[in-house]
Protein backbone atom coordinates (compact mmCIF):
# COMPACT_ATOMS: atom_id res chain seq x y z
CA UNK A 1 -4.84 -45.23 108.12
CA UNK A 2 -7.75 -44.56 105.80
CA UNK A 3 -7.80 -40.85 106.70
CA UNK A 4 -4.18 -40.57 105.61
CA UNK A 5 -5.20 -42.28 102.38
CA UNK A 6 -7.91 -39.72 101.69
CA UNK A 7 -5.27 -36.98 101.75
CA UNK A 8 -3.78 -38.72 98.72
CA UNK A 9 -7.04 -38.62 96.73
CA UNK A 10 -8.26 -35.72 94.61
CA UNK A 11 -11.68 -35.71 92.94
CA UNK A 12 -13.19 -33.28 90.47
CA UNK A 13 -16.75 -33.10 89.17
CA UNK A 14 -16.87 -32.48 85.44
CA UNK A 15 -19.94 -30.59 84.23
CA UNK A 16 -20.95 -29.17 80.88
CA UNK A 17 -19.43 -25.79 81.68
CA UNK A 18 -17.49 -26.30 84.91
CA UNK A 19 -14.88 -28.36 86.73
CA UNK A 20 -15.02 -28.38 90.52
CA UNK A 21 -12.76 -29.90 93.16
CA UNK A 22 -14.66 -31.59 95.99
CA UNK A 23 -13.66 -32.68 99.50
CA UNK A 24 -13.55 -36.47 99.65
CA UNK A 25 -15.18 -37.92 102.79
CA UNK A 26 -15.08 -41.60 101.84
CA UNK A 27 -13.91 -43.63 98.87
CA UNK A 28 -14.37 -47.31 98.04
CA UNK A 29 -14.23 -49.55 94.99
CA UNK A 30 -17.97 -49.03 94.43
CA UNK A 31 -18.54 -45.39 95.24
CA UNK A 32 -17.68 -42.34 97.25
CA UNK A 33 -18.96 -39.57 99.49
CA UNK A 34 -17.90 -35.94 99.16
CA UNK A 35 -18.85 -32.44 100.18
CA UNK A 36 -18.99 -29.28 98.12
CA UNK A 37 -20.50 -25.90 98.96
CA UNK A 38 -21.97 -25.59 95.47
CA UNK A 39 -25.13 -27.36 94.40
CA UNK A 40 -24.05 -28.41 90.94
CA UNK A 41 -27.32 -30.06 89.88
CA UNK A 42 -30.95 -28.98 90.49
CA UNK A 43 -32.30 -32.41 91.44
CA UNK A 44 -29.36 -34.37 92.85
CA UNK A 45 -30.97 -37.75 93.62
CA UNK A 46 -30.36 -40.28 90.84
CA UNK A 47 -28.53 -37.66 88.74
CA UNK A 48 -25.56 -38.87 86.74
CA UNK A 49 -22.23 -37.35 87.69
CA UNK A 50 -18.91 -37.46 85.82
CA UNK A 51 -15.81 -37.57 87.99
CA UNK A 52 -12.05 -37.46 87.64
CA UNK A 53 -10.33 -39.34 90.48
CA UNK A 54 -6.61 -38.89 91.11
CA UNK A 55 -4.79 -41.31 93.40
CA UNK A 56 -1.51 -39.66 94.37
CA UNK A 57 1.42 -41.79 93.28
CA UNK A 58 -0.75 -43.83 90.88
CA UNK A 59 -2.80 -42.20 88.14
CA UNK A 60 -5.98 -40.35 87.17
CA UNK A 61 -9.21 -42.19 86.34
CA UNK A 62 -12.54 -41.28 84.77
CA UNK A 63 -15.67 -42.44 86.56
CA UNK A 64 -19.40 -42.08 86.03
CA UNK A 65 -21.73 -42.47 88.95
CA UNK A 66 -25.25 -41.84 90.17
CA UNK A 67 -26.04 -39.73 93.22
CA UNK A 68 -27.73 -41.96 95.82
CA UNK A 69 -27.47 -39.68 98.87
CA UNK A 70 -27.81 -35.92 99.22
CA UNK A 71 -27.84 -33.70 102.32
CA UNK A 72 -28.49 -30.11 101.26
CA UNK A 73 -27.67 -28.63 104.68
CA UNK A 74 -24.21 -30.20 104.77
CA UNK A 75 -23.52 -30.19 101.02
CA UNK A 76 -22.87 -33.93 101.18
CA UNK A 77 -23.29 -36.30 98.28
CA UNK A 78 -23.03 -40.07 98.04
CA UNK A 79 -22.26 -41.53 94.62
CA UNK A 80 -22.51 -45.13 93.42
CA UNK A 81 -20.09 -45.78 90.58
CA UNK A 82 -21.71 -47.05 87.37
CA UNK A 83 -18.52 -47.12 85.32
CA UNK A 84 -14.93 -46.53 86.33
CA UNK A 85 -11.68 -47.11 84.47
CA UNK A 86 -10.64 -50.71 85.15
CA UNK A 87 -7.18 -49.77 86.42
CA UNK A 88 -8.76 -47.78 89.27
CA UNK A 89 -9.82 -50.87 91.23
CA UNK A 90 -6.41 -52.57 91.27
CA UNK A 91 -4.57 -49.29 91.91
CA UNK A 92 -7.00 -48.36 94.72
CA UNK A 93 -6.51 -51.79 96.35
CA UNK A 94 -2.72 -51.36 96.13
CA UNK A 95 -2.94 -47.87 97.62
CA UNK A 96 -5.04 -49.12 100.56
CA UNK A 97 -2.66 -52.02 101.19
CA UNK A 98 0.30 -49.63 101.32
CA UNK A 99 -1.18 -47.43 104.07
């Protein structure tokens, strides 16, 4: 199931002076949703975010995205990927097919 798959995904936000693990709510080839208790950017909407995505059993990938959704009360963010390492897409598809 997809929920089982999310247990095998780790994502970190990479900032200028911090690295933070986030809780992945949803992940696709084009973007992701996550929660974090910390507001890591003053104006989240349309802000660029640098991510490190680890797919357990596969590899670690760098991604750059733009925040397209933000819910301050829940600490939820939605990110549209702008650039992601090319291997991520094929590895992610293989991971989903194996669930």
